[in-house]
Amino acid sequence: MNLSFFDQFTSPHLLGIPLILISMLFPTLLLPSPTNRWVTNRLSTLQLWFIHLTTKQLMLPLNKGGHKWALILTSLMLLLLMINLLGLLPYTFTPTTQLSMNMALAFPLWLATLLTGLRNQPTMSLGHLLPEGTPTPLIPALILIETISLLIRPLALGVRLTANLTAGHLLIQLISTATTALLPILPTVSTLTVLILLLLTILEIAVAMIQAYVFVLLLSLYLQENI
């Protein structure tokens, strides 16, 4: 059976049942289960330190009123991070390469931040649509532009995450295919492509971590505008 480069982004099925839900929930098994002790071992200590550091960084742009979102934002950050990193393993599926899933995460949270601002401070939230000191003839055009930029935010969140991860996976597959094809013909060139593949894999690990952080950080910035 001939497979294309984009078949790796197809949701796996078993007996007609989509397995994307399993691939989304599996990373949660890597989190430590609660016990009666504060610290059980070194791995638990490292995980707690990382969660504390992540929460601290995500809460920096927010004032005290936004700290009630800490659990949601930190949980989303850890979920995206583990899904992105586990998707780099061989013969695995990355749910965050699906635009539908990323939009399902981005749109409700963006809408929640928007509705929070309209409920708590409607005047200031609507005031973002018109910068102060705008000339009168430009008011209709600027309101239209700012409204479009506001509505396009969840789409930008989902597309950014999808595009970056998809591009990285495609590059890794292209270079690995070239390495396999060149091995019997040009072993020296094949060795060089293996080095390039190794560097690209390290880069993709960084991209997977950065994109998870950027996704949640932008949500926290949107939240700050509305609280």
N, C-alpha and C. Protein backbone atom coordinates (compact mmCIF):
# COMPACT_ATOMS: atom_id res chain seq x y z
N MET A 1 0.85 -1.19 0.00
CA MET A 1 0.00 0.00 0.00
C MET A 1 0.88 1.23 0.00
N ASN A 2 0.63 2.18 -0.91
CA ASN A 2 1.41 3.39 -1.00
C ASN A 2 0.87 4.41 0.00
N LEU A 3 1.75 4.98 0.78
CA LEU A 3 1.38 5.98 1.78
C LEU A 3 1.98 7.31 1.40
N SER A 4 1.22 8.37 1.62
CA SER A 4 1.74 9.71 1.36
C SER A 4 2.31 10.28 2.65
N PHE A 5 2.98 11.43 2.53
CA PHE A 5 3.58 12.05 3.71
C PHE A 5 2.51 12.54 4.69
N PHE A 6 1.30 12.78 4.20
CA PHE A 6 0.27 13.34 5.07
C PHE A 6 -0.57 12.26 5.75
N ASP A 7 -0.28 10.99 5.47
CA ASP A 7 -1.03 9.92 6.13
C ASP A 7 -0.73 9.84 7.62
N GLN A 8 0.42 10.39 8.03
CA GLN A 8 0.76 10.37 9.46
C GLN A 8 -0.16 11.27 10.28
N PHE A 9 -0.87 12.20 9.61
CA PHE A 9 -1.77 13.11 10.32
C PHE A 9 -3.21 12.61 10.33
N THR A 10 -3.43 11.41 9.79
CA THR A 10 -4.77 10.82 9.80
C THR A 10 -5.03 10.18 11.15
N SER A 11 -6.19 10.45 11.71
CA SER A 11 -6.53 9.89 13.01
C SER A 11 -6.60 8.37 12.93
N PRO A 12 -5.90 7.64 13.80
CA PRO A 12 -5.91 6.17 13.73
C PRO A 12 -7.26 5.60 14.15
N HIS A 13 -7.60 4.46 13.57
CA HIS A 13 -8.85 3.77 13.88
C HIS A 13 -8.56 2.30 14.19
N LEU A 14 -9.37 1.74 15.06
CA LEU A 14 -9.30 0.33 15.37
C LEU A 14 -10.72 -0.22 15.34
N LEU A 15 -10.99 -1.10 14.38
CA LEU A 15 -12.33 -1.66 14.19
C LEU A 15 -13.37 -0.55 13.99
N GLY A 16 -12.94 0.49 13.26
CA GLY A 16 -13.84 1.60 12.97
C GLY A 16 -13.99 2.60 14.09
N ILE A 17 -13.27 2.40 15.21
CA ILE A 17 -13.38 3.30 16.36
C ILE A 17 -12.19 4.26 16.34
N PRO A 18 -12.40 5.59 16.31
CA PRO A 18 -11.27 6.53 16.32
C PRO A 18 -10.53 6.47 17.65
N LEU A 19 -9.20 6.45 17.58
CA LEU A 19 -8.36 6.33 18.77
C LEU A 19 -7.79 7.67 19.22
N ILE A 20 -8.28 8.77 18.65
CA ILE A 20 -7.72 10.08 19.00
C ILE A 20 -7.99 10.40 20.47
N LEU A 21 -9.12 9.93 21.00
CA LEU A 21 -9.43 10.21 22.42
C LEU A 21 -8.40 9.54 23.32
N ILE A 22 -7.99 8.31 22.98
CA ILE A 22 -6.98 7.62 23.78
C ILE A 22 -5.66 8.36 23.73
N SER A 23 -5.28 8.83 22.54
CA SER A 23 -4.02 9.54 22.41
C SER A 23 -4.05 10.88 23.13
N MET A 24 -5.24 11.45 23.33
CA MET A 24 -5.35 12.70 24.08
C MET A 24 -5.31 12.46 25.58
N LEU A 25 -5.88 11.35 26.03
CA LEU A 25 -5.96 11.08 27.47
C LEU A 25 -4.73 10.36 28.00
N PHE A 26 -3.96 9.71 27.14
CA PHE A 26 -2.80 8.96 27.61
C PHE A 26 -1.78 9.82 28.35
N PRO A 27 -1.49 11.07 27.91
CA PRO A 27 -0.50 11.87 28.65
C PRO A 27 -0.87 12.11 30.10
N THR A 28 -2.16 12.11 30.43
CA THR A 28 -2.54 12.33 31.83
C THR A 28 -2.08 11.19 32.74
N LEU A 29 -1.82 10.01 32.16
CA LEU A 29 -1.32 8.89 32.97
C LEU A 29 0.10 9.13 33.46
N LEU A 30 0.82 10.07 32.81
CA LEU A 30 2.19 10.36 33.20
C LEU A 30 2.26 11.29 34.40
N LEU A 31 1.14 11.92 34.75
CA LEU A 31 1.13 12.80 35.91
C LEU A 31 1.08 11.97 37.19
N PRO A 32 1.72 12.46 38.26
CA PRO A 32 1.72 11.68 39.51
C PRO A 32 0.33 11.65 40.13
N SER A 33 -0.06 10.48 40.63
CA SER A 33 -1.34 10.36 41.32
C SER A 33 -1.20 10.90 42.74
N PRO A 34 -2.22 11.57 43.27
CA PRO A 34 -2.12 12.14 44.62
C PRO A 34 -1.96 11.07 45.69
N THR A 35 -1.11 11.36 46.67
CA THR A 35 -0.88 10.45 47.80
C THR A 35 -1.00 11.24 49.09
N ASN A 36 -0.79 10.56 50.21
CA ASN A 36 -0.86 11.22 51.52
C ASN A 36 0.38 12.05 51.81
N ARG A 37 1.44 11.85 51.03
CA ARG A 37 2.68 12.58 51.25
C ARG A 37 2.77 13.76 50.28
N TRP A 38 3.50 14.79 50.71
CA TRP A 38 3.75 15.94 49.83
C TRP A 38 4.73 15.54 48.73
N VAL A 39 5.79 14.85 49.09
CA VAL A 39 6.82 14.46 48.13
C VAL A 39 7.08 12.98 48.31
N THR A 40 7.02 12.22 47.22
CA THR A 40 7.20 10.77 47.31
C THR A 40 8.56 10.33 46.79
N ASN A 41 9.06 10.95 45.70
CA ASN A 41 10.35 10.57 45.15
C ASN A 41 10.91 11.75 44.35
N ARG A 42 12.08 11.54 43.75
CA ARG A 42 12.72 12.63 43.02
C ARG A 42 11.93 13.03 41.78
N LEU A 43 11.32 12.07 41.10
CA LEU A 43 10.52 12.39 39.92
C LEU A 43 9.32 13.26 40.28
N SER A 44 8.67 12.92 41.40
CA SER A 44 7.54 13.73 41.85
C SER A 44 8.00 15.14 42.22
N THR A 45 9.17 15.24 42.84
CA THR A 45 9.72 16.56 43.19
C THR A 45 10.00 17.38 41.94
N LEU A 46 10.57 16.73 40.93
CA LEU A 46 10.87 17.43 39.68
C LEU A 46 9.59 17.88 38.98
N GLN A 47 8.57 17.05 38.98
CA GLN A 47 7.30 17.42 38.35
C GLN A 47 6.64 18.58 39.08
N LEU A 48 6.66 18.53 40.40
CA LEU A 48 6.06 19.63 41.17
C LEU A 48 6.82 20.93 40.95
N TRP A 49 8.15 20.85 40.86
CA TRP A 49 8.95 22.05 40.58
C TRP A 49 8.61 22.63 39.22
N PHE A 50 8.46 21.75 38.21
CA PHE A 50 8.15 22.22 36.87
C PHE A 50 6.76 22.84 36.81
N ILE A 51 5.78 22.22 37.49
CA ILE A 51 4.43 22.77 37.50
C ILE A 51 4.41 24.14 38.19
N HIS A 52 5.15 24.25 39.30
CA HIS A 52 5.22 25.53 40.00
C HIS A 52 5.87 26.59 39.12
N LEU A 53 6.94 26.25 38.43
CA LEU A 53 7.61 27.20 37.55
C LEU A 53 6.70 27.62 36.40
N THR A 54 5.98 26.66 35.82
CA THR A 54 5.07 26.97 34.72
C THR A 54 3.95 27.89 35.18
N THR A 55 3.35 27.58 36.32
CA THR A 55 2.27 28.41 36.85
C THR A 55 2.76 29.82 37.13
N LYS A 56 3.95 29.95 37.69
CA LYS A 56 4.50 31.26 38.00
C LYS A 56 4.70 32.09 36.73
N GLN A 57 5.22 31.47 35.68
CA GLN A 57 5.45 32.19 34.43
C GLN A 57 4.14 32.59 33.77
N LEU A 58 3.14 31.71 33.83
CA LEU A 58 1.86 32.03 33.19
C LEU A 58 1.09 33.11 33.93
N MET A 59 1.31 33.22 35.23
CA MET A 59 0.57 34.20 36.02
C MET A 59 1.24 35.57 36.04
N LEU A 60 2.45 35.68 35.51
CA LEU A 60 3.14 36.97 35.53
C LEU A 60 2.36 38.09 34.82
N PRO A 61 1.77 37.85 33.62
CA PRO A 61 1.05 38.96 32.97
C PRO A 61 -0.29 39.30 33.62
N LEU A 62 -0.77 38.46 34.54
CA LEU A 62 -2.10 38.63 35.09
C LEU A 62 -2.07 39.30 36.45
N ASN A 63 -3.10 40.09 36.72
CA ASN A 63 -3.24 40.65 38.06
C ASN A 63 -3.91 39.62 38.96
N LYS A 64 -4.18 40.00 40.18
CA LYS A 64 -4.68 39.02 41.16
C LYS A 64 -6.03 38.45 40.74
N GLY A 65 -6.85 39.22 40.04
CA GLY A 65 -8.15 38.72 39.62
C GLY A 65 -8.07 37.58 38.62
N GLY A 66 -6.97 37.51 37.89
CA GLY A 66 -6.82 36.45 36.90
C GLY A 66 -6.19 35.19 37.43
N HIS A 67 -5.77 35.19 38.71
CA HIS A 67 -5.11 34.01 39.26
C HIS A 67 -6.07 32.84 39.47
N LYS A 68 -7.38 33.11 39.43
CA LYS A 68 -8.34 32.01 39.55
C LYS A 68 -8.32 31.12 38.30
N TRP A 69 -7.69 31.61 37.22
CA TRP A 69 -7.55 30.83 35.99
C TRP A 69 -6.29 29.97 36.01
N ALA A 70 -5.55 29.98 37.10
CA ALA A 70 -4.26 29.29 37.14
C ALA A 70 -4.40 27.80 36.87
N LEU A 71 -5.40 27.16 37.45
CA LEU A 71 -5.57 25.71 37.27
C LEU A 71 -5.87 25.36 35.81
N ILE A 72 -6.75 26.13 35.18
CA ILE A 72 -7.12 25.86 33.78
C ILE A 72 -5.92 26.05 32.87
N LEU A 73 -5.22 27.18 33.02
CA LEU A 73 -4.12 27.49 32.13
C LEU A 73 -2.95 26.53 32.32
N THR A 74 -2.63 26.21 33.57
CA THR A 74 -1.52 25.28 33.83
C THR A 74 -1.85 23.88 33.32
N SER A 75 -3.08 23.43 33.54
CA SER A 75 -3.48 22.10 33.05
C SER A 75 -3.42 22.04 31.53
N LEU A 76 -3.88 23.11 30.87
CA LEU A 76 -3.82 23.14 29.41
C LEU A 76 -2.38 23.14 28.91
N MET A 77 -1.53 23.88 29.61
CA MET A 77 -0.12 23.93 29.23
C MET A 77 0.52 22.53 29.33
N LEU A 78 0.29 21.84 30.42
CA LEU A 78 0.87 20.51 30.61
C LEU A 78 0.30 19.51 29.61
N LEU A 79 -1.00 19.61 29.33
CA LEU A 79 -1.61 18.69 28.36
C LEU A 79 -1.01 18.88 26.97
N LEU A 80 -0.92 20.13 26.52
CA LEU A 80 -0.35 20.40 25.20
C LEU A 80 1.11 20.00 25.14
N LEU A 81 1.84 20.27 26.21
CA LEU A 81 3.26 19.94 26.24
C LEU A 81 3.49 18.44 26.11
N MET A 82 2.76 17.65 26.87
CA MET A 82 2.96 16.20 26.82
C MET A 82 2.47 15.60 25.50
N ILE A 83 1.36 16.12 24.97
CA ILE A 83 0.89 15.62 23.67
C ILE A 83 1.90 15.92 22.57
N ASN A 84 2.43 17.15 22.58
CA ASN A 84 3.41 17.53 21.55
C ASN A 84 4.68 16.69 21.64
N LEU A 85 5.17 16.46 22.85
CA LEU A 85 6.41 15.71 23.01
C LEU A 85 6.21 14.23 22.71
N LEU A 86 5.10 13.66 23.16
CA LEU A 86 4.85 12.24 22.87
C LEU A 86 4.62 12.01 21.38
N GLY A 87 4.14 13.04 20.67
CA GLY A 87 3.93 12.90 19.23
C GLY A 87 5.21 12.81 18.44
N LEU A 88 6.35 13.14 19.06
CA LEU A 88 7.64 13.03 18.38
C LEU A 88 8.21 11.62 18.43
N LEU A 89 7.61 10.75 19.24
CA LEU A 89 8.08 9.37 19.30
C LEU A 89 7.68 8.63 18.02
N PRO A 90 8.46 7.64 17.61
CA PRO A 90 8.11 6.88 16.39
C PRO A 90 6.78 6.13 16.55
N TYR A 91 6.05 6.04 15.45
CA TYR A 91 4.80 5.29 15.37
C TYR A 91 3.76 5.80 16.37
N THR A 92 3.73 7.11 16.55
CA THR A 92 2.73 7.72 17.42
C THR A 92 1.92 8.73 16.61
N PHE A 93 0.80 9.13 17.18
CA PHE A 93 -0.09 10.10 16.54
C PHE A 93 -0.15 11.35 17.40
N THR A 94 -0.07 12.52 16.77
CA THR A 94 -0.09 13.79 17.48
C THR A 94 -1.43 14.47 17.28
N PRO A 95 -2.30 14.47 18.29
CA PRO A 95 -3.62 15.10 18.11
C PRO A 95 -3.54 16.60 17.82
N THR A 96 -2.49 17.27 18.28
CA THR A 96 -2.40 18.72 18.09
C THR A 96 -2.02 19.10 16.66
N THR A 97 -1.81 18.13 15.78
CA THR A 97 -1.65 18.46 14.36
C THR A 97 -3.01 18.57 13.67
N GLN A 98 -4.09 18.32 14.41
CA GLN A 98 -5.44 18.44 13.87
C GLN A 98 -5.99 19.82 14.20
N LEU A 99 -6.34 20.58 13.17
CA LEU A 99 -6.86 21.92 13.38
C LEU A 99 -8.17 21.89 14.15
N SER A 100 -8.97 20.87 13.95
CA SER A 100 -10.25 20.78 14.66
C SER A 100 -10.06 20.70 16.17
N MET A 101 -9.05 19.93 16.60
CA MET A 101 -8.81 19.83 18.03
C MET A 101 -8.29 21.14 18.61
N ASN A 102 -7.34 21.77 17.90
CA ASN A 102 -6.78 23.02 18.39
C ASN A 102 -7.84 24.12 18.45
N MET A 103 -8.73 24.14 17.46
CA MET A 103 -9.81 25.13 17.50
C MET A 103 -10.79 24.82 18.63
N ALA A 104 -10.99 23.53 18.91
CA ALA A 104 -11.88 23.16 20.02
C ALA A 104 -11.30 23.58 21.36
N LEU A 105 -9.98 23.71 21.45
CA LEU A 105 -9.35 24.22 22.66
C LEU A 105 -9.31 25.74 22.68
N ALA A 106 -9.01 26.34 21.53
CA ALA A 106 -8.80 27.79 21.48
C ALA A 106 -10.10 28.58 21.56
N PHE A 107 -11.12 28.16 20.80
CA PHE A 107 -12.33 28.98 20.70
C PHE A 107 -13.08 29.12 22.03
N PRO A 108 -13.38 28.02 22.77
CA PRO A 108 -14.10 28.20 24.03
C PRO A 108 -13.35 29.04 25.05
N LEU A 109 -12.02 28.86 25.14
CA LEU A 109 -11.25 29.63 26.12
C LEU A 109 -11.18 31.10 25.72
N TRP A 110 -10.99 31.37 24.42
CA TRP A 110 -11.01 32.76 23.97
C TRP A 110 -12.37 33.40 24.23
N LEU A 111 -13.44 32.66 23.94
CA LEU A 111 -14.79 33.18 24.18
C LEU A 111 -15.02 33.42 25.66
N ALA A 112 -14.47 32.57 26.51
CA ALA A 112 -14.63 32.76 27.96
C ALA A 112 -13.94 34.04 28.42
N THR A 113 -12.73 34.31 27.89
CA THR A 113 -12.06 35.56 28.25
C THR A 113 -12.84 36.77 27.76
N LEU A 114 -13.41 36.67 26.56
CA LEU A 114 -14.18 37.79 26.01
C LEU A 114 -15.45 38.05 26.81
N LEU A 115 -16.16 36.98 27.16
CA LEU A 115 -17.39 37.15 27.93
C LEU A 115 -17.09 37.63 29.35
N THR A 116 -15.93 37.21 29.89
CA THR A 116 -15.54 37.71 31.21
C THR A 116 -15.36 39.22 31.19
N GLY A 117 -14.71 39.74 30.14
CA GLY A 117 -14.54 41.18 30.02
C GLY A 117 -15.84 41.91 29.80
N LEU A 118 -16.73 41.37 28.96
CA LEU A 118 -18.02 42.02 28.71
C LEU A 118 -18.91 42.02 29.95
N ARG A 119 -18.72 41.03 30.81
CA ARG A 119 -19.53 40.98 32.04
C ARG A 119 -18.97 41.90 33.12
N ASN A 120 -17.66 41.90 33.30
CA ASN A 120 -17.06 42.65 34.40
C ASN A 120 -16.82 44.12 34.07
N GLN A 121 -16.33 44.41 32.86
CA GLN A 121 -16.04 45.79 32.48
C GLN A 121 -16.38 46.00 31.00
N PRO A 122 -17.67 46.08 30.67
CA PRO A 122 -18.06 46.17 29.26
C PRO A 122 -17.53 47.42 28.56
N THR A 123 -17.43 48.54 29.29
CA THR A 123 -16.96 49.77 28.65
C THR A 123 -15.51 49.65 28.20
N MET A 124 -14.65 49.12 29.07
CA MET A 124 -13.24 48.98 28.72
C MET A 124 -13.03 47.92 27.64
N SER A 125 -13.82 46.85 27.70
CA SER A 125 -13.68 45.79 26.70
C SER A 125 -14.06 46.29 25.31
N LEU A 126 -15.15 47.05 25.24
CA LEU A 126 -15.54 47.61 23.94
C LEU A 126 -14.64 48.76 23.54
N GLY A 127 -14.00 49.40 24.54
CA GLY A 127 -13.08 50.50 24.23
C GLY A 127 -11.84 50.05 23.48
N HIS A 128 -11.50 48.75 23.58
CA HIS A 128 -10.34 48.24 22.84
C HIS A 128 -10.57 48.26 21.33
N LEU A 129 -11.83 48.37 20.92
CA LEU A 129 -12.13 48.39 19.49
C LEU A 129 -11.84 49.74 18.85
N LEU A 130 -11.65 50.77 19.67
CA LEU A 130 -11.39 52.10 19.13
C LEU A 130 -10.27 52.75 19.93
N PRO A 131 -9.06 52.82 19.37
CA PRO A 131 -7.95 53.46 20.09
C PRO A 131 -8.23 54.92 20.39
N GLU A 132 -7.69 55.38 21.50
CA GLU A 132 -7.91 56.77 21.91
C GLU A 132 -7.22 57.73 20.95
N GLY A 133 -7.90 58.83 20.64
CA GLY A 133 -7.34 59.84 19.76
C GLY A 133 -7.49 59.55 18.27
N THR A 134 -8.36 58.63 17.92
CA THR A 134 -8.56 58.28 16.51
C THR A 134 -9.30 59.40 15.79
N PRO A 135 -8.83 59.83 14.63
CA PRO A 135 -9.57 60.86 13.86
C PRO A 135 -10.97 60.37 13.50
N THR A 136 -11.92 61.29 13.49
CA THR A 136 -13.32 60.93 13.26
C THR A 136 -13.56 60.19 11.94
N PRO A 137 -12.95 60.58 10.82
CA PRO A 137 -13.22 59.85 9.57
C PRO A 137 -12.74 58.40 9.59
N LEU A 138 -11.77 58.09 10.45
CA LEU A 138 -11.22 56.73 10.49
C LEU A 138 -11.93 55.82 11.48
N ILE A 139 -12.89 56.36 12.25
CA ILE A 139 -13.53 55.57 13.30
C ILE A 139 -14.24 54.33 12.75
N PRO A 140 -15.09 54.43 11.71
CA PRO A 140 -15.76 53.20 11.22
C PRO A 140 -14.76 52.13 10.73
N ALA A 141 -13.73 52.58 9.99
CA ALA A 141 -12.77 51.62 9.46
C ALA A 141 -11.99 50.94 10.58
N LEU A 142 -11.57 51.72 11.59
CA LEU A 142 -10.79 51.13 12.69
C LEU A 142 -11.63 50.18 13.53
N ILE A 143 -12.89 50.52 13.74
CA ILE A 143 -13.76 49.61 14.50
C ILE A 143 -13.91 48.29 13.75
N LEU A 144 -14.07 48.36 12.43
CA LEU A 144 -14.18 47.14 11.63
C LEU A 144 -12.90 46.32 11.69
N ILE A 145 -11.75 47.00 11.56
CA ILE A 145 -10.46 46.29 11.58
C ILE A 145 -10.21 45.65 12.94
N GLU A 146 -10.48 46.38 14.02
CA GLU A 146 -10.26 45.84 15.36
C GLU A 146 -11.22 44.69 15.67
N THR A 147 -12.44 44.77 15.16
CA THR A 147 -13.40 43.68 15.36
C THR A 147 -12.93 42.42 14.65
N ILE A 148 -12.45 42.58 13.41
CA ILE A 148 -11.95 41.42 12.67
C ILE A 148 -10.73 40.82 13.37
N SER A 149 -9.82 41.69 13.83
CA SER A 149 -8.63 41.18 14.53
C SER A 149 -9.00 40.48 15.83
N LEU A 150 -10.08 40.93 16.48
CA LEU A 150 -10.53 40.28 17.71
C LEU A 150 -11.14 38.91 17.41
N LEU A 151 -11.94 38.84 16.35
CA LEU A 151 -12.61 37.57 16.02
C LEU A 151 -11.65 36.54 15.43
N ILE A 152 -10.53 37.00 14.90
CA ILE A 152 -9.60 36.07 14.25
C ILE A 152 -8.61 35.48 15.25
N ARG A 153 -8.64 35.94 16.48
CA ARG A 153 -7.68 35.45 17.49
C ARG A 153 -7.75 33.94 17.71
N PRO A 154 -8.91 33.34 17.92
CA PRO A 154 -8.91 31.88 18.13
C PRO A 154 -8.43 31.12 16.90
N LEU A 155 -8.75 31.64 15.71
CA LEU A 155 -8.26 30.99 14.50
C LEU A 155 -6.74 31.06 14.43
N ALA A 156 -6.17 32.21 14.81
CA ALA A 156 -4.71 32.35 14.80
C ALA A 156 -4.07 31.40 15.81
N LEU A 157 -4.69 31.23 16.97
CA LEU A 157 -4.16 30.31 17.97
C LEU A 157 -4.11 28.88 17.43
N GLY A 158 -5.23 28.44 16.86
CA GLY A 158 -5.29 27.07 16.36
C GLY A 158 -4.39 26.83 15.18
N VAL A 159 -4.37 27.78 14.23
CA VAL A 159 -3.56 27.60 13.02
C VAL A 159 -2.07 27.63 13.36
N ARG A 160 -1.67 28.51 14.29
CA ARG A 160 -0.25 28.60 14.65
C ARG A 160 0.26 27.28 15.20
N LEU A 161 -0.49 26.70 16.13
CA LEU A 161 -0.07 25.43 16.73
C LEU A 161 -0.07 24.30 15.69
N THR A 162 -1.12 24.25 14.88
CA THR A 162 -1.22 23.20 13.87
C THR A 162 -0.10 23.30 12.83
N ALA A 163 0.13 24.52 12.33
CA ALA A 163 1.10 24.71 11.25
C ALA A 163 2.52 24.40 11.72
N ASN A 164 2.88 24.84 12.91
CA ASN A 164 4.24 24.60 13.39
C ASN A 164 4.51 23.12 13.61
N LEU A 165 3.58 22.41 14.22
CA LEU A 165 3.80 20.99 14.47
C LEU A 165 3.74 20.17 13.18
N THR A 166 2.82 20.53 12.29
CA THR A 166 2.72 19.81 11.02
C THR A 166 3.98 19.99 10.18
N ALA A 167 4.48 21.22 10.11
CA ALA A 167 5.70 21.47 9.34
C ALA A 167 6.88 20.70 9.90
N GLY A 168 7.00 20.66 11.21
CA GLY A 168 8.10 19.93 11.83
C GLY A 168 8.04 18.43 11.55
N HIS A 169 6.84 17.85 11.67
CA HIS A 169 6.70 16.41 11.40
C HIS A 169 6.99 16.09 9.93
N LEU A 170 6.55 16.97 9.03
CA LEU A 170 6.82 16.74 7.61
C LEU A 170 8.31 16.81 7.31
N LEU A 171 9.01 17.78 7.91
CA LEU A 171 10.45 17.89 7.69
C LEU A 171 11.18 16.65 8.20
N ILE A 172 10.81 16.18 9.37
CA ILE A 172 11.45 14.99 9.92
C ILE A 172 11.21 13.79 9.00
N GLN A 173 9.99 13.64 8.51
CA GLN A 173 9.71 12.50 7.63
C GLN A 173 10.44 12.62 6.30
N LEU A 174 10.51 13.83 5.75
CA LEU A 174 11.22 14.02 4.48
C LEU A 174 12.70 13.69 4.60
N ILE A 175 13.33 14.19 5.67
CA ILE A 175 14.75 13.96 5.84
C ILE A 175 15.04 12.50 6.17
N SER A 176 14.18 11.88 6.97
CA SER A 176 14.39 10.46 7.27
C SER A 176 14.20 9.59 6.03
N THR A 177 13.26 9.96 5.17
CA THR A 177 13.08 9.23 3.91
C THR A 177 14.29 9.39 3.00
N ALA A 178 14.82 10.62 2.94
CA ALA A 178 16.02 10.86 2.14
C ALA A 178 17.22 10.09 2.69
N THR A 179 17.33 10.00 4.01
CA THR A 179 18.43 9.26 4.62
C THR A 179 18.37 7.78 4.25
N THR A 180 17.18 7.21 4.31
CA THR A 180 17.03 5.80 3.96
C THR A 180 17.31 5.55 2.48
N ALA A 181 16.88 6.48 1.62
CA ALA A 181 17.10 6.30 0.18
C ALA A 181 18.56 6.46 -0.21
N LEU A 182 19.30 7.35 0.49
CA LEU A 182 20.69 7.61 0.14
C LEU A 182 21.67 6.61 0.76
N LEU A 183 21.23 5.85 1.74
CA LEU A 183 22.15 4.97 2.46
C LEU A 183 22.85 3.95 1.54
N PRO A 184 22.17 3.24 0.63
CA PRO A 184 22.89 2.28 -0.22
C PRO A 184 23.64 2.94 -1.38
N ILE A 185 23.31 4.19 -1.69
CA ILE A 185 23.92 4.85 -2.85
C ILE A 185 25.09 5.74 -2.42
N LEU A 186 24.82 6.65 -1.49
CA LEU A 186 25.84 7.61 -1.01
C LEU A 186 25.88 7.54 0.51
N PRO A 187 26.65 6.63 1.08
CA PRO A 187 26.67 6.51 2.54
C PRO A 187 27.16 7.77 3.24
N THR A 188 28.13 8.48 2.64
CA THR A 188 28.65 9.70 3.28
C THR A 188 27.57 10.77 3.39
N VAL A 189 26.86 10.97 2.28
CA VAL A 189 25.78 11.96 2.30
C VAL A 189 24.68 11.52 3.26
N SER A 190 24.41 10.23 3.31
CA SER A 190 23.40 9.72 4.23
C SER A 190 23.79 9.99 5.68
N THR A 191 25.08 9.89 6.00
CA THR A 191 25.54 10.19 7.36
C THR A 191 25.31 11.66 7.70
N LEU A 192 25.55 12.52 6.73
CA LEU A 192 25.32 13.96 6.95
C LEU A 192 23.84 14.25 7.18
N THR A 193 22.98 13.57 6.44
CA THR A 193 21.54 13.78 6.64
C THR A 193 21.08 13.26 7.99
N VAL A 194 21.76 12.21 8.49
CA VAL A 194 21.43 11.71 9.84
C VAL A 194 21.76 12.79 10.87
N LEU A 195 22.88 13.47 10.71
CA LEU A 195 23.23 14.56 11.62
C LEU A 195 22.21 15.69 11.54
N ILE A 196 21.80 16.01 10.30
CA ILE A 196 20.77 17.05 10.13
C ILE A 196 19.46 16.62 10.80
N LEU A 197 19.13 15.33 10.65
CA LEU A 197 17.91 14.81 11.26
C LEU A 197 17.99 14.89 12.78
N LEU A 198 19.15 14.62 13.34
CA LEU A 198 19.32 14.71 14.79
C LEU A 198 19.13 16.14 15.27
N LEU A 199 19.75 17.09 14.56
CA LEU A 199 19.59 18.50 14.94
C LEU A 199 18.14 18.96 14.78
N LEU A 200 17.48 18.49 13.72
CA LEU A 200 16.09 18.87 13.51
C LEU A 200 15.19 18.29 14.59
N THR A 201 15.50 17.09 15.06
CA THR A 201 14.71 16.49 16.13
C THR A 201 14.85 17.30 17.42
N ILE A 202 16.07 17.74 17.72
CA ILE A 202 16.27 18.59 18.89
C ILE A 202 15.49 19.90 18.75
N LEU A 203 15.52 20.46 17.53
CA LEU A 203 14.77 21.69 17.27
C LEU A 203 13.27 21.46 17.45
N GLU A 204 12.77 20.32 17.00
CA GLU A 204 11.34 20.04 17.12
C GLU A 204 10.92 19.83 18.57
N ILE A 205 11.81 19.29 19.38
CA ILE A 205 11.51 19.19 20.81
C ILE A 205 11.33 20.57 21.41
N ALA A 206 12.22 21.49 21.03
CA ALA A 206 12.10 22.87 21.50
C ALA A 206 10.83 23.53 20.97
N VAL A 207 10.51 23.28 19.70
CA VAL A 207 9.30 23.86 19.11
C VAL A 207 8.05 23.33 19.81
N ALA A 208 8.03 22.03 20.12
CA ALA A 208 6.88 21.45 20.81
C ALA A 208 6.66 22.10 22.17
N MET A 209 7.73 22.39 22.88
CA MET A 209 7.61 23.04 24.19
C MET A 209 7.22 24.51 24.04
N ILE A 210 7.85 25.20 23.09
CA ILE A 210 7.58 26.63 22.90
C ILE A 210 6.16 26.87 22.44
N GLN A 211 5.66 26.04 21.51
CA GLN A 211 4.32 26.26 20.99
C GLN A 211 3.25 26.02 22.05
N ALA A 212 3.46 25.05 22.93
CA ALA A 212 2.52 24.84 24.03
C ALA A 212 2.51 26.06 24.96
N TYR A 213 3.70 26.60 25.23
CA TYR A 213 3.80 27.78 26.10
C TYR A 213 3.18 29.00 25.44
N VAL A 214 3.45 29.21 24.15
CA VAL A 214 2.91 30.37 23.44
C VAL A 214 1.39 30.32 23.38
N PHE A 215 0.84 29.14 23.14
CA PHE A 215 -0.62 28.99 23.06
C PHE A 215 -1.28 29.46 24.36
N VAL A 216 -0.76 29.00 25.49
CA VAL A 216 -1.36 29.35 26.78
C VAL A 216 -1.00 30.78 27.16
N LEU A 217 0.19 31.23 26.82
CA LEU A 217 0.58 32.61 27.16
C LEU A 217 -0.30 33.62 26.44
N LEU A 218 -0.61 33.38 25.17
CA LEU A 218 -1.50 34.29 24.44
C LEU A 218 -2.90 34.29 25.05
N LEU A 219 -3.36 33.13 25.50
CA LEU A 219 -4.65 33.10 26.18
C LEU A 219 -4.62 33.93 27.46
N SER A 220 -3.52 33.85 28.20
CA SER A 220 -3.42 34.65 29.43
C SER A 220 -3.35 36.14 29.12
N LEU A 221 -2.73 36.52 28.00
CA LEU A 221 -2.69 37.93 27.60
C LEU A 221 -4.09 38.41 27.19
N TYR A 222 -4.82 37.54 26.48
CA TYR A 222 -6.20 37.90 26.13
C TYR A 222 -7.04 38.06 27.39
N LEU A 223 -6.78 37.21 28.38
CA LEU A 223 -7.50 37.30 29.64
C LEU A 223 -7.19 38.60 30.37
N GLN A 224 -5.91 39.01 30.35
CA GLN A 224 -5.50 40.22 31.04
C GLN A 224 -6.21 41.46 30.47
N GLU A 225 -6.48 41.44 29.16
CA GLU A 225 -7.17 42.57 28.55
C GLU A 225 -8.61 42.70 29.03
N ASN A 226 -9.15 41.63 29.60
CA ASN A 226 -10.59 41.63 29.93
C ASN A 226 -10.86 41.51 31.41
N ILE A 227 -9.85 41.67 32.25
CA ILE A 227 -10.09 41.61 33.70
C ILE A 227 -9.55 42.86 34.35
